[in-house]
Amino acid sequence: MDGETIVATVPVFRQDVSQAVDVYEEVARIAGYDKLPASAPVVRAHAVQTDSRRIQRQKIAAALRSSGLDEIVTFSLVSRAALAKSGLADVTAVPVINALSKEQEVLRPSLLPSMLAALLTNCNRGQKNIKIFETGKLYTPAGETETAAVLLSGQAAEDWRDTKKPAVDFYDLKGIVDKALLTVAEGGLAYQAGNENFLAAGQACRVVLAGEPLGFLGRVSPRILAEWDIKSKEVYFAQINLEKLYKLSQPIRKYQPPPEFPGIVRDISLSVSRDIEFQTIQDLALSGGQGLLASVVFLEEYIGEKIAKDQRGLVFSLTYQAADRTLREEEVNAVHETLVQRLLAELPATRR
């Protein structure tokens, strides 16, 4: 001992003593814990940083529940056979070393196998009207990705007043996904034709936000349903990359007051090629609205004898509105006619 300094040598068999605090404990034990002065613990308040990702995930889940969906939680491990049945045999999956069974041999690269397995289990027990969603992680050699998925099957709504009992369709799924994403995204949401091999051709699309692809949605291919021995013909599935959504969304939403001045509505009826998406027409119209076009709303599609086989008739409504004044009829007519002529010039379309 030199003054207030203690030099201690730790025996080789005391490997639990590795730092100064361990020596303090030994001294206190030898001297007696009862001789240590009593004192109240020091509690310091710390500001807890808000986790915007968690808040946004909760908003999305709440929106999906409010649409009538039930939340499920499935295993993160799946079999290679389940991936093959889901049309994902070519997807690179992360294998599990010393897997407990063939059913849990790889980490899931998609939520589709888990959702189809849940659907099959419910159908085998007589529950055919299934509306479920899950938020969880996908795993690839590149890392983990937080993801949300939705699956619909059976009747669109269980209402005793509706004798027709309509089945769920593509637009039921699109509306649910649209509502959920717009709880955290300010706008810029678009849908483009997709080609995932496990979705039916012509009934699939990609979900795009601010030009960045977020995921896809559509009708599950009958071929995939047959592989799973699922008897239901109408099954719709969506999968959204939440990691990308978090980066593109706006966690703080700004209030916008309702328009103070009235709008003027004009309808357009066009005959366009069947391969022209309404999204293309909408984007072209909004870009040519000269700052006065507030919205473009799809109203009607016509396919029949009065139109060419490779064409379809589209009717949509345009609302013109200004934030600082009431628009005049002649002003709107001029902008509207210019916009129509632009659509006819840049699209393979004719006016009906």
Foldseek 3Di string as FASTA:
>chain_A
DPVPDDDDDDDPVPPVDDDDVSVVVVVCVVVDVVPDDDDDDDDDDDDDDDDLLVVLVVLLVVLLVVLVAAEDDFDQFAACLLCVLLVNNVAAWAADPPDPDNGGGTGAQDCVSVVLVVQVVCVVVVNFFHWYKYWDWHQDPVGIFTKIKIKGGAFLDPDPVDPVRHIDALVSVVVSVVRSLVSFAVDQWDWAQDDDPQADHPFKIFIDHPNHTFWMKGFGDPSSCVSVVNPTPGMIMIMGGSVVSSVRTDSDDDDDDPAPEAKDKDKFKKKAFPVDDVRVVQVLLVVQQVPFWDGKAWDDKADDDVHDNRIIMTMIMTIGHDRPDYDDPVVNVVSVVVSVVVCVVPGVMDGD
